Amino acid sequence: MRGPTMIVRPRRSALYLPASNARAIEKARGLPCDVVILDLEDSVAPDAKATARARAVAAVHEGGFGTRELVVRVNGLTTPWGADDLAALAAAMPDAVLVPKVDGADDVATYRAHVPDGTGLWAMVETARSVLRLDAIASAPGLDALVLGTNDLAKEMRARVDDDRTVFLGVLAMAVAAARAHGLVALDGVYNAIDDAEGFARECAQGAMFGFEGKTLIHPTQIGACNIGFSPSAIEVEWARTVVAAFDMADHAGKGAIRVEGRMVERLHLEEARALLDLVAMLATRGVRAAEPPSRN
């Protein structure tokens, strides 16, 4: 069974774009998001499904997305379009395929059979059944990421969602725990109020506090704040360097726990520190410096 892993590829901001919109696809090639998700599902009307599929496949073949991870969200296999979506993408091979309304491990296995090796498989957590089966879904062979679909989940649960997402606090924690237990990526759900910059920043901070790598987005204007919210702060980077330097001292060789600036630090903290510094190094290759918001420690 897979165990906890330290994932260093940046996935701070994952922007949904309707694949039916050729202009949006072209614009995505120059946006500062880490992940582009070309959507064939919710944002595409039934009479535009075939066009969206063709444009998504063409976008994968044409490339030009640079360091951005290119993911395509397909329609479910229970719809009239899902099988054709998966067949077309099996030949195109984007970085990953995102599948909707996964209710259990059997669904993961079914989709994995349609997605070739070399293409990642990401699953939406957006049904009541998926919440009750998070561990089984996350442990299914061939899955790479859990993506929260909080809008659909709220609808199915008939939930009244407040600014603090009180009704979802348990779900957020358990989704991250399931992902970490099985070495998966975990991405938070979308924020619907595009013009509410303060509320969006607050929800990014909440998602980062829970341990999500990043957040799914519905508009390009959300990218900048999201990248800041899920980037290590200068304080976190300095602490990580301090921890690594302390364990590198000859006096601390082989020790499982040491005292650093008045705090007890174990080797698990060393692993976290090295992963954070690896992420910082990767971001630096993209011209990104450590963010300056308050530390989340």
C-alpha atoms as a PDB file:
ATOM      1  CA  MET A   1       0.000   0.000   0.000  1.00  0.00           C
ATOM      2  CA  ARG A   2       1.151   3.509  -0.712  1.00  0.00           C
ATOM      3  CA  GLY A   3       2.121   5.637   2.236  1.00  0.00           C
ATOM      4  CA  PRO A   4       2.530   9.340   2.923  1.00  0.00           C
ATOM      5  CA  THR A   5       4.672  11.176   0.374  1.00  0.00           C
ATOM      6  CA  MET A   6       6.074  14.678   0.082  1.00  0.00           C
ATOM      7  CA  ILE A   7       4.746  16.127  -3.182  1.00  0.00           C
ATOM      8  CA  VAL A   8       6.894  18.943  -4.535  1.00  0.00           C
ATOM      9  CA  ARG A   9       5.345  19.769  -7.924  1.00  0.00           C
ATOM     10  CA  PRO A  10       3.507  23.092  -7.487  1.00  0.00           C
ATOM     11  CA  ARG A  11      -0.261  22.742  -7.758  1.00  0.00           C
ATOM     12  CA  ARG A  12      -1.225  25.903  -5.897  1.00  0.00           C
ATOM     13  CA  SER A  13      -3.734  27.147  -8.461  1.00  0.00           C
ATOM     14  CA  ALA A  14      -5.824  24.881 -10.708  1.00  0.00           C
ATOM     15  CA  LEU A  15      -7.995  26.894 -13.088  1.00  0.00           C
ATOM     16  CA  TYR A  16     -11.120  25.416 -14.657  1.00  0.00           C
ATOM     17  CA  LEU A  17     -11.798  26.606 -18.209  1.00  0.00           C
ATOM     18  CA  PRO A  18     -14.622  25.465 -20.508  1.00  0.00           C
ATOM     19  CA  ALA A  19     -12.959  23.543 -23.328  1.00  0.00           C
ATOM     20  CA  SER A  20     -15.656  24.823 -25.681  1.00  0.00           C
ATOM     21  CA  ASN A  21     -14.090  28.298 -25.429  1.00  0.00           C
ATOM     22  CA  ALA A  22     -11.156  28.441 -27.858  1.00  0.00           C
ATOM     23  CA  ARG A  23     -10.185  31.932 -26.724  1.00  0.00           C
ATOM     24  CA  ALA A  24     -10.007  30.835 -23.081  1.00  0.00           C
ATOM     25  CA  ILE A  25      -7.761  27.901 -24.000  1.00  0.00           C
ATOM     26  CA  GLU A  26      -5.365  30.173 -25.858  1.00  0.00           C
ATOM     27  CA  LYS A  27      -5.307  32.648 -22.976  1.00  0.00           C
ATOM     28  CA  ALA A  28      -4.546  29.838 -20.519  1.00  0.00           C
ATOM     29  CA  ARG A  29      -1.158  29.302 -22.156  1.00  0.00           C
ATOM     30  CA  GLY A  30      -0.002  32.586 -20.669  1.00  0.00           C
ATOM     31  CA  LEU A  31      -1.685  32.565 -17.264  1.00  0.00           C
ATOM     32  CA  PRO A  32       0.384  32.137 -14.059  1.00  0.00           C
ATOM     33  CA  CYS A  33      -1.640  29.181 -12.753  1.00  0.00           C
ATOM     34  CA  ASP A  34       0.115  25.894 -11.969  1.00  0.00           C
ATOM     35  CA  VAL A  35      -2.640  23.701 -13.429  1.00  0.00           C
ATOM     36  CA  VAL A  36      -5.032  24.245 -16.335  1.00  0.00           C
ATOM     37  CA  ILE A  37      -8.171  22.089 -16.180  1.00  0.00           C
ATOM     38  CA  LEU A  38      -9.998  22.024 -19.504  1.00  0.00           C
ATOM     39  CA  ASP A  39     -13.590  21.211 -18.607  1.00  0.00           C
ATOM     40  CA  LEU A  40     -15.857  19.019 -20.690  1.00  0.00           C
ATOM     41  CA  GLU A  41     -18.430  18.597 -17.924  1.00  0.00           C
ATOM     42  CA  ASP A  42     -20.334  21.184 -15.867  1.00  0.00           C
ATOM     43  CA  SER A  43     -19.343  24.345 -17.751  1.00  0.00           C
ATOM     44  CA  VAL A  44     -20.181  22.938 -21.205  1.00  0.00           C
ATOM     45  CA  ALA A  45     -23.728  22.800 -22.545  1.00  0.00           C
ATOM     46  CA  PRO A  46     -24.958  19.479 -24.034  1.00  0.00           C
ATOM     47  CA  ASP A  47     -24.953  20.787 -27.600  1.00  0.00           C
ATOM     48  CA  ALA A  48     -21.316  21.928 -27.211  1.00  0.00           C
ATOM     49  CA  LYS A  49     -19.896  18.678 -25.774  1.00  0.00           C
ATOM     50  CA  ALA A  50     -18.458  17.378 -29.050  1.00  0.00           C
ATOM     51  CA  THR A  51     -16.875  20.743 -29.863  1.00  0.00           C
ATOM     52  CA  ALA A  52     -15.370  20.983 -26.392  1.00  0.00           C
ATOM     53  CA  ARG A  53     -13.918  17.472 -26.683  1.00  0.00           C
ATOM     54  CA  ALA A  54     -12.333  18.237 -30.041  1.00  0.00           C
ATOM     55  CA  ARG A  55     -10.832  21.489 -28.770  1.00  0.00           C
ATOM     56  CA  ALA A  56      -9.444  19.819 -25.648  1.00  0.00           C
ATOM     57  CA  VAL A  57      -7.779  17.109 -27.711  1.00  0.00           C
ATOM     58  CA  ALA A  58      -6.360  19.731 -30.084  1.00  0.00           C
ATOM     59  CA  ALA A  59      -5.024  21.737 -27.134  1.00  0.00           C
ATOM     60  CA  VAL A  60      -3.235  18.672 -25.753  1.00  0.00           C
ATOM     61  CA  HIS A  61      -1.653  17.949 -29.136  1.00  0.00           C
ATOM     62  CA  GLU A  62      -0.676  21.577 -29.742  1.00  0.00           C
ATOM     63  CA  GLY A  63       0.866  22.045 -26.293  1.00  0.00           C
ATOM     64  CA  GLY A  64       2.346  25.411 -25.474  1.00  0.00           C
ATOM     65  CA  PHE A  65       1.315  25.332 -21.807  1.00  0.00           C
ATOM     66  CA  GLY A  66       4.902  25.501 -20.559  1.00  0.00           C
ATOM     67  CA  THR A  67       5.337  24.325 -16.972  1.00  0.00           C
ATOM     68  CA  ARG A  68       1.576  24.277 -16.416  1.00  0.00           C
ATOM     69  CA  GLU A  69       0.063  20.868 -15.787  1.00  0.00           C
ATOM     70  CA  LEU A  70      -2.689  20.190 -18.339  1.00  0.00           C
ATOM     71  CA  VAL A  71      -5.686  18.257 -17.022  1.00  0.00           C
ATOM     72  CA  VAL A  72      -9.006  17.508 -18.729  1.00  0.00           C
ATOM     73  CA  ARG A  73     -12.190  16.961 -16.742  1.00  0.00           C
ATOM     74  CA  VAL A  74     -14.406  14.488 -18.569  1.00  0.00           C
ATOM     75  CA  ASN A  75     -18.095  13.724 -18.387  1.00  0.00           C
ATOM     76  CA  GLY A  76     -19.025  10.687 -16.309  1.00  0.00           C
ATOM     77  CA  LEU A  77     -19.390   7.267 -17.895  1.00  0.00           C
ATOM     78  CA  THR A  78     -23.070   7.291 -16.974  1.00  0.00           C
ATOM     79  CA  THR A  79     -23.633  10.218 -19.370  1.00  0.00           C
ATOM     80  CA  PRO A  80     -23.918  10.047 -23.181  1.00  0.00           C
ATOM     81  CA  TRP A  81     -20.500  11.718 -23.579  1.00  0.00           C
ATOM     82  CA  GLY A  82     -18.200  10.055 -21.027  1.00  0.00           C
ATOM     83  CA  ALA A  83     -17.045   7.059 -23.068  1.00  0.00           C
ATOM     84  CA  ASP A  84     -16.220   9.238 -26.089  1.00  0.00           C
ATOM     85  CA  ASP A  85     -14.355  11.712 -23.868  1.00  0.00           C
ATOM     86  CA  LEU A  86     -12.187   8.974 -22.391  1.00  0.00           C
ATOM     87  CA  ALA A  87     -11.504   7.330 -25.746  1.00  0.00           C
ATOM     88  CA  ALA A  88     -10.394  10.627 -27.286  1.00  0.00           C
ATOM     89  CA  LEU A  89      -8.147  11.498 -24.354  1.00  0.00           C
ATOM     90  CA  ALA A  90      -6.600   8.024 -24.229  1.00  0.00           C
ATOM     91  CA  ALA A  91      -5.049   8.850 -27.588  1.00  0.00           C
ATOM     92  CA  ALA A  92      -4.224  12.482 -26.759  1.00  0.00           C
ATOM     93  CA  MET A  93      -2.721  11.764 -23.311  1.00  0.00           C
ATOM     94  CA  PRO A  94      -2.932  14.979 -21.261  1.00  0.00           C
ATOM     95  CA  ASP A  95      -1.013  15.125 -17.987  1.00  0.00           C
ATOM     96  CA  ALA A  96      -4.104  13.863 -16.152  1.00  0.00           C
ATOM     97  CA  VAL A  97      -7.787  13.124 -16.556  1.00  0.00           C
ATOM     98  CA  LEU A  98     -10.159  14.394 -13.866  1.00  0.00           C
ATOM     99  CA  VAL A  99     -13.270  12.243 -13.428  1.00  0.00           C
ATOM    100  CA  PRO A 100     -16.512  13.391 -11.773  1.00  0.00           C
ATOM    101  CA  LYS A 101     -18.884  11.907  -9.228  1.00  0.00           C
ATOM    102  CA  VAL A 102     -16.677   9.048  -8.059  1.00  0.00           C
ATOM    103  CA  ASP A 103     -18.628   7.125  -5.415  1.00  0.00           C
ATOM    104  CA  GLY A 104     -16.142   4.388  -4.507  1.00  0.00           C
ATOM    105  CA  ALA A 105     -13.066   2.338  -5.347  1.00  0.00           C
ATOM    106  CA  ASP A 106     -14.913   0.434  -8.090  1.00  0.00           C
ATOM    107  CA  ASP A 107     -15.461   3.692  -9.953  1.00  0.00           C
ATOM    108  CA  VAL A 108     -11.748   4.469  -9.749  1.00  0.00           C
ATOM    109  CA  ALA A 109     -10.920   1.034 -11.186  1.00  0.00           C
ATOM    110  CA  THR A 110     -13.402   1.526 -14.034  1.00  0.00           C
ATOM    111  CA  TYR A 111     -11.962   4.886 -14.996  1.00  0.00           C
ATOM    112  CA  ARG A 112      -8.380   3.699 -14.596  1.00  0.00           C
ATOM    113  CA  ALA A 113      -9.077   1.002 -17.196  1.00  0.00           C
ATOM    114  CA  HIS A 114      -9.944   3.775 -19.674  1.00  0.00           C
ATOM    115  CA  VAL A 115      -6.927   5.970 -18.863  1.00  0.00           C
ATOM    116  CA  PRO A 116      -3.562   4.792 -20.243  1.00  0.00           C
ATOM    117  CA  ASP A 117      -0.354   4.488 -18.265  1.00  0.00           C
ATOM    118  CA  GLY A 118       1.477   7.785 -18.340  1.00  0.00           C
ATOM    119  CA  THR A 119      -1.688   9.800 -17.810  1.00  0.00           C
ATOM    120  CA  GLY A 120      -2.647  10.660 -14.258  1.00  0.00           C
ATOM    121  CA  LEU A 121      -6.086   9.961 -12.826  1.00  0.00           C
ATOM    122  CA  TRP A 122      -7.705  12.561 -10.576  1.00  0.00           C
ATOM    123  CA  ALA A 123     -11.072  12.038  -8.862  1.00  0.00           C
ATOM    124  CA  MET A 124     -13.709  14.532  -7.778  1.00  0.00           C
ATOM    125  CA  VAL A 125     -14.998  14.225  -4.216  1.00  0.00           C
ATOM    126  CA  GLU A 126     -18.456  15.711  -4.686  1.00  0.00           C
ATOM    127  CA  THR A 127     -21.050  13.153  -3.602  1.00  0.00           C
ATOM    128  CA  ALA A 128     -22.284  12.019  -0.208  1.00  0.00           C
ATOM    129  CA  ARG A 129     -21.138   8.480  -1.003  1.00  0.00           C
ATOM    130  CA  SER A 130     -17.625   9.664  -1.815  1.00  0.00           C
ATOM    131  CA  VAL A 131     -17.360  11.392   1.570  1.00  0.00           C
ATOM    132  CA  LEU A 132     -18.311   8.173   3.339  1.00  0.00           C
ATOM    133  CA  ARG A 133     -15.750   6.192   1.310  1.00  0.00           C
ATOM    134  CA  LEU A 134     -12.771   8.537   1.222  1.00  0.00           C
ATOM    135  CA  ASP A 135     -10.234   5.980   2.432  1.00  0.00           C
ATOM    136  CA  ALA A 136     -11.399   3.319  -0.037  1.00  0.00           C
ATOM    137  CA  ILE A 137     -11.292   5.801  -2.926  1.00  0.00           C
ATOM    138  CA  ALA A 138      -7.868   7.169  -1.991  1.00  0.00           C
ATOM    139  CA  SER A 139      -6.420   3.669  -1.634  1.00  0.00           C
ATOM    140  CA  ALA A 140      -7.639   2.527  -5.060  1.00  0.00           C
ATOM    141  CA  PRO A 141      -4.714   1.614  -7.345  1.00  0.00           C
ATOM    142  CA  GLY A 142      -3.855   4.128 -10.031  1.00  0.00           C
ATOM    143  CA  LEU A 143      -5.349   7.234  -8.452  1.00  0.00           C
ATOM    144  CA  ASP A 144      -3.183  10.345  -8.176  1.00  0.00           C
ATOM    145  CA  ALA A 145      -5.317  13.147  -6.730  1.00  0.00           C
ATOM    146  CA  LEU A 146      -8.492  14.026  -4.839  1.00  0.00           C
ATOM    147  CA  VAL A 147     -10.252  17.226  -5.907  1.00  0.00           C
ATOM    148  CA  LEU A 148     -13.025  18.668  -3.754  1.00  0.00           C
ATOM    149  CA  GLY A 149     -16.259  19.528  -5.556  1.00  0.00           C
ATOM    150  CA  THR A 150     -17.927  21.503  -2.802  1.00  0.00           C
ATOM    151  CA  ASN A 151     -20.709  22.997  -4.947  1.00  0.00           C
ATOM    152  CA  ASP A 152     -22.089  19.614  -5.963  1.00  0.00           C
ATOM    153  CA  LEU A 153     -21.576  18.254  -2.472  1.00  0.00           C
ATOM    154  CA  ALA A 154     -23.487  21.150  -0.925  1.00  0.00           C
ATOM    155  CA  LYS A 155     -26.340  20.580  -3.353  1.00  0.00           C
ATOM    156  CA  GLU A 156     -26.526  16.856  -2.627  1.00  0.00           C
ATOM    157  CA  MET A 157     -26.318  17.350   1.133  1.00  0.00           C
ATOM    158  CA  ARG A 158     -28.795  20.273   1.049  1.00  0.00           C
ATOM    159  CA  ALA A 159     -26.208  22.100   3.103  1.00  0.00           C
ATOM    160  CA  ARG A 160     -26.279  25.772   4.018  1.00  0.00           C
ATOM    161  CA  VAL A 161     -22.679  26.868   3.584  1.00  0.00           C
ATOM    162  CA  ASP A 162     -21.457  29.846   5.618  1.00  0.00           C
ATOM    163  CA  ASP A 163     -18.322  31.939   5.120  1.00  0.00           C
ATOM    164  CA  ASP A 164     -16.285  29.570   7.300  1.00  0.00           C
ATOM    165  CA  ARG A 165     -17.566  26.445   5.501  1.00  0.00           C
ATOM    166  CA  THR A 166     -18.539  25.094   8.917  1.00  0.00           C
ATOM    167  CA  VAL A 167     -20.592  22.266   7.421  1.00  0.00           C
ATOM    168  CA  PHE A 168     -17.550  21.036   5.463  1.00  0.00           C
ATOM    169  CA  LEU A 169     -14.806  21.273   8.086  1.00  0.00           C
ATOM    170  CA  GLY A 170     -14.886  17.537   8.750  1.00  0.00           C
ATOM    171  CA  VAL A 171     -14.931  16.727   5.048  1.00  0.00           C
ATOM    172  CA  LEU A 172     -11.954  18.996   4.354  1.00  0.00           C
ATOM    173  CA  ALA A 173      -9.902  17.393   7.122  1.00  0.00           C
ATOM    174  CA  MET A 174     -10.814  13.837   6.155  1.00  0.00           C
ATOM    175  CA  ALA A 175     -10.142  14.429   2.446  1.00  0.00           C
ATOM    176  CA  VAL A 176      -6.634  15.678   3.209  1.00  0.00           C
ATOM    177  CA  ALA A 177      -6.069  12.811   5.656  1.00  0.00           C
ATOM    178  CA  ALA A 178      -7.138  10.257   3.045  1.00  0.00           C
ATOM    179  CA  ALA A 179      -4.883  11.837   0.442  1.00  0.00           C
ATOM    180  CA  ARG A 180      -1.900  11.930   2.776  1.00  0.00           C
ATOM    181  CA  ALA A 181      -2.456   8.346   3.942  1.00  0.00           C
ATOM    182  CA  HIS A 182      -2.170   7.109   0.374  1.00  0.00           C
ATOM    183  CA  GLY A 183       0.310   9.531  -1.165  1.00  0.00           C
ATOM    184  CA  LEU A 184      -2.139  11.576  -3.241  1.00  0.00           C
ATOM    185  CA  VAL A 185      -2.465  15.235  -4.129  1.00  0.00           C
ATOM    186  CA  ALA A 186      -5.385  17.074  -2.457  1.00  0.00           C
ATOM    187  CA  LEU A 187      -6.943  20.176  -4.031  1.00  0.00           C
ATOM    188  CA  ASP A 188      -9.578  22.339  -2.361  1.00  0.00           C
ATOM    189  CA  GLY A 189     -12.882  23.296  -3.984  1.00  0.00           C
ATOM    190  CA  VAL A 190     -13.801  26.519  -5.780  1.00  0.00           C
ATOM    191  CA  TYR A 191     -14.839  29.893  -4.357  1.00  0.00           C
ATOM    192  CA  ASN A 192     -17.877  31.225  -6.180  1.00  0.00           C
ATOM    193  CA  ALA A 193     -17.815  34.946  -5.298  1.00  0.00           C
ATOM    194  CA  ILE A 194     -15.381  36.159  -7.960  1.00  0.00           C
ATOM    195  CA  ASP A 195     -15.408  39.790  -6.810  1.00  0.00           C
ATOM    196  CA  ASP A 196     -14.912  38.996  -3.108  1.00  0.00           C
ATOM    197  CA  ALA A 197     -11.124  39.196  -2.886  1.00  0.00           C
ATOM    198  CA  GLU A 198     -11.050  39.260   0.918  1.00  0.00           C
ATOM    199  CA  GLY A 199     -13.287  36.210   1.241  1.00  0.00           C
ATOM    200  CA  PHE A 200     -11.283  34.338  -1.359  1.00  0.00           C
ATOM    201  CA  ALA A 201      -7.978  35.054   0.410  1.00  0.00           C
ATOM    202  CA  ARG A 202      -9.530  33.873   3.678  1.00  0.00           C
ATOM    203  CA  GLU A 203     -10.657  30.606   2.113  1.00  0.00           C
ATOM    204  CA  CYS A 204      -7.215  30.049   0.566  1.00  0.00           C
ATOM    205  CA  ALA A 205      -5.689  30.487   4.019  1.00  0.00           C
ATOM    206  CA  GLN A 206      -8.193  28.000   5.408  1.00  0.00           C
ATOM    207  CA  GLY A 207      -7.378  25.455   2.694  1.00  0.00           C
ATOM    208  CA  ALA A 208      -3.651  25.850   3.272  1.00  0.00           C
ATOM    209  CA  MET A 209      -4.214  25.422   7.019  1.00  0.00           C
ATOM    210  CA  PHE A 210      -5.926  22.074   6.360  1.00  0.00           C
ATOM    211  CA  GLY A 211      -2.981  20.956   4.230  1.00  0.00           C
ATOM    212  CA  PHE A 212      -4.277  21.174   0.663  1.00  0.00           C
ATOM    213  CA  GLU A 213      -1.593  21.692  -1.997  1.00  0.00           C
ATOM    214  CA  GLY A 214      -3.777  24.233  -3.732  1.00  0.00           C
ATOM    215  CA  LYS A 215      -7.245  25.264  -4.780  1.00  0.00           C
ATOM    216  CA  THR A 216      -9.415  24.920  -7.857  1.00  0.00           C
ATOM    217  CA  LEU A 217     -10.448  28.228  -9.420  1.00  0.00           C
ATOM    218  CA  ILE A 218     -13.227  29.514 -11.650  1.00  0.00           C
ATOM    219  CA  HIS A 219     -11.692  32.791 -12.845  1.00  0.00           C
ATOM    220  CA  PRO A 220      -8.192  33.995 -13.819  1.00  0.00           C
ATOM    221  CA  THR A 221      -8.417  36.931 -11.401  1.00  0.00           C
ATOM    222  CA  GLN A 222      -8.198  34.432  -8.530  1.00  0.00           C
ATOM    223  CA  ILE A 223      -4.808  33.043  -9.577  1.00  0.00           C
ATOM    224  CA  GLY A 224      -2.506  35.599  -7.958  1.00  0.00           C
ATOM    225  CA  ALA A 225      -4.049  35.475  -4.501  1.00  0.00           C
ATOM    226  CA  CYS A 226      -4.241  31.696  -4.672  1.00  0.00           C
ATOM    227  CA  ASN A 227      -0.556  31.369  -5.532  1.00  0.00           C
ATOM    228  CA  ILE A 228       0.315  33.591  -2.577  1.00  0.00           C
ATOM    229  CA  GLY A 229      -1.995  31.717  -0.229  1.00  0.00           C
ATOM    230  CA  PHE A 230      -0.478  28.336  -1.046  1.00  0.00           C
ATOM    231  CA  SER A 231       3.167  29.423  -1.339  1.00  0.00           C
ATOM    232  CA  PRO A 232       5.554  29.097   1.598  1.00  0.00           C
ATOM    233  CA  SER A 233       5.986  32.350   3.482  1.00  0.00           C
ATOM    234  CA  ALA A 234       9.418  33.877   4.066  1.00  0.00           C
ATOM    235  CA  ILE A 235       9.125  32.899   7.738  1.00  0.00           C
ATOM    236  CA  GLU A 236       8.417  29.258   6.818  1.00  0.00           C
ATOM    237  CA  VAL A 237      11.331  29.156   4.379  1.00  0.00           C
ATOM    238  CA  GLU A 238      13.757  30.562   6.950  1.00  0.00           C
ATOM    239  CA  TRP A 239      12.593  28.049   9.566  1.00  0.00           C
ATOM    240  CA  ALA A 240      12.989  25.168   7.096  1.00  0.00           C
ATOM    241  CA  ARG A 241      16.560  26.244   6.367  1.00  0.00           C
ATOM    242  CA  THR A 242      17.264  26.471  10.083  1.00  0.00           C
ATOM    243  CA  VAL A 243      15.954  22.947  10.678  1.00  0.00           C
ATOM    244  CA  VAL A 244      18.000  21.469   7.824  1.00  0.00           C
ATOM    245  CA  ALA A 245      21.148  23.278   8.956  1.00  0.00           C
ATOM    246  CA  ALA A 246      20.674  22.077  12.537  1.00  0.00           C
ATOM    247  CA  PHE A 247      20.379  18.415  11.524  1.00  0.00           C
ATOM    248  CA  ASP A 248      23.435  18.809   9.291  1.00  0.00           C
ATOM    249  CA  MET A 249      25.619  19.710  12.283  1.00  0.00           C
ATOM    250  CA  ALA A 250      28.089  17.017  13.246  1.00  0.00           C
ATOM    251  CA  ASP A 251      26.872  17.013  16.857  1.00  0.00           C
ATOM    252  CA  HIS A 252      23.384  16.040  15.676  1.00  0.00           C
ATOM    253  CA  ALA A 253      24.332  13.245  13.302  1.00  0.00           C
ATOM    254  CA  GLY A 254      22.097  10.226  13.828  1.00  0.00           C
ATOM    255  CA  LYS A 255      19.838  11.914  16.356  1.00  0.00           C
ATOM    256  CA  GLY A 256      16.089  11.429  16.034  1.00  0.00           C
ATOM    257  CA  ALA A 257      15.158  14.647  17.800  1.00  0.00           C
ATOM    258  CA  ILE A 258      17.042  17.839  18.577  1.00  0.00           C
ATOM    259  CA  ARG A 259      16.360  21.249  20.087  1.00  0.00           C
ATOM    260  CA  VAL A 260      16.270  24.137  17.609  1.00  0.00           C
ATOM    261  CA  GLU A 261      15.726  27.693  18.862  1.00  0.00           C
ATOM    262  CA  GLY A 262      13.875  26.404  21.905  1.00  0.00           C
ATOM    263  CA  ARG A 263      11.650  23.990  19.987  1.00  0.00           C
ATOM    264  CA  MET A 264      11.817  20.189  19.898  1.00  0.00           C
ATOM    265  CA  VAL A 265      12.289  19.092  16.282  1.00  0.00           C
ATOM    266  CA  GLU A 266      12.168  15.513  15.037  1.00  0.00           C
ATOM    267  CA  ARG A 267      13.289  13.936  11.781  1.00  0.00           C
ATOM    268  CA  LEU A 268       9.744  14.095  10.445  1.00  0.00           C
ATOM    269  CA  HIS A 269      10.123  17.884  10.642  1.00  0.00           C
ATOM    270  CA  LEU A 270      13.399  17.566   8.734  1.00  0.00           C
ATOM    271  CA  GLU A 271      11.578  15.693   5.969  1.00  0.00           C
ATOM    272  CA  GLU A 272       8.920  18.411   5.839  1.00  0.00           C
ATOM    273  CA  ALA A 273      11.583  21.114   5.765  1.00  0.00           C
ATOM    274  CA  ARG A 274      13.433  19.512   2.872  1.00  0.00           C
ATOM    275  CA  ALA A 275      10.197  19.078   0.915  1.00  0.00           C
ATOM    276  CA  LEU A 276       9.336  22.732   1.464  1.00  0.00           C
ATOM    277  CA  LEU A 277      12.780  23.823   0.281  1.00  0.00           C
ATOM    278  CA  ASP A 278      12.442  21.572  -2.779  1.00  0.00           C
ATOM    279  CA  LEU A 279       9.158  23.322  -3.564  1.00  0.00           C
ATOM    280  CA  VAL A 280      10.776  26.726  -3.094  1.00  0.00           C
ATOM    281  CA  ALA A 281      13.579  25.730  -5.463  1.00  0.00           C
ATOM    282  CA  MET A 282      11.081  24.593  -8.062  1.00  0.00           C
ATOM    283  CA  LEU A 283       9.098  27.808  -7.746  1.00  0.00           C
ATOM    284  CA  ALA A 284      12.327  29.783  -8.107  1.00  0.00           C
ATOM    285  CA  THR A 285      12.870  28.226 -11.531  1.00  0.00           C
ATOM    286  CA  ARG A 286       9.561  29.859 -12.473  1.00  0.00           C
ATOM    287  CA  GLY A 287      10.616  33.230 -11.131  1.00  0.00           C
ATOM    288  CA  VAL A 288       8.561  32.936  -7.935  1.00  0.00           C
ATOM    289  CA  ARG A 289       9.940  34.134  -4.596  1.00  0.00           C
ATOM    290  CA  ALA A 290       8.682  33.196  -1.146  1.00  0.00           C
ATOM    291  CA  ALA A 291       5.401  34.866  -0.252  1.00  0.00           C
ATOM    292  CA  GLU A 292       5.203  37.372   2.586  1.00  0.00           C
ATOM    293  CA  PRO A 293       1.862  36.666   4.334  1.00  0.00           C
ATOM    294  CA  PRO A 294       1.905  35.659   8.036  1.00  0.00           C
ATOM    295  CA  SER A 295       3.268  32.212   8.725  1.00  0.00           C
ATOM    296  CA  ARG A 296       0.770  29.350   8.917  1.00  0.00           C
ATOM    297  CA  ASN A 297       2.876  27.442  11.504  1.00  0.00           C
END
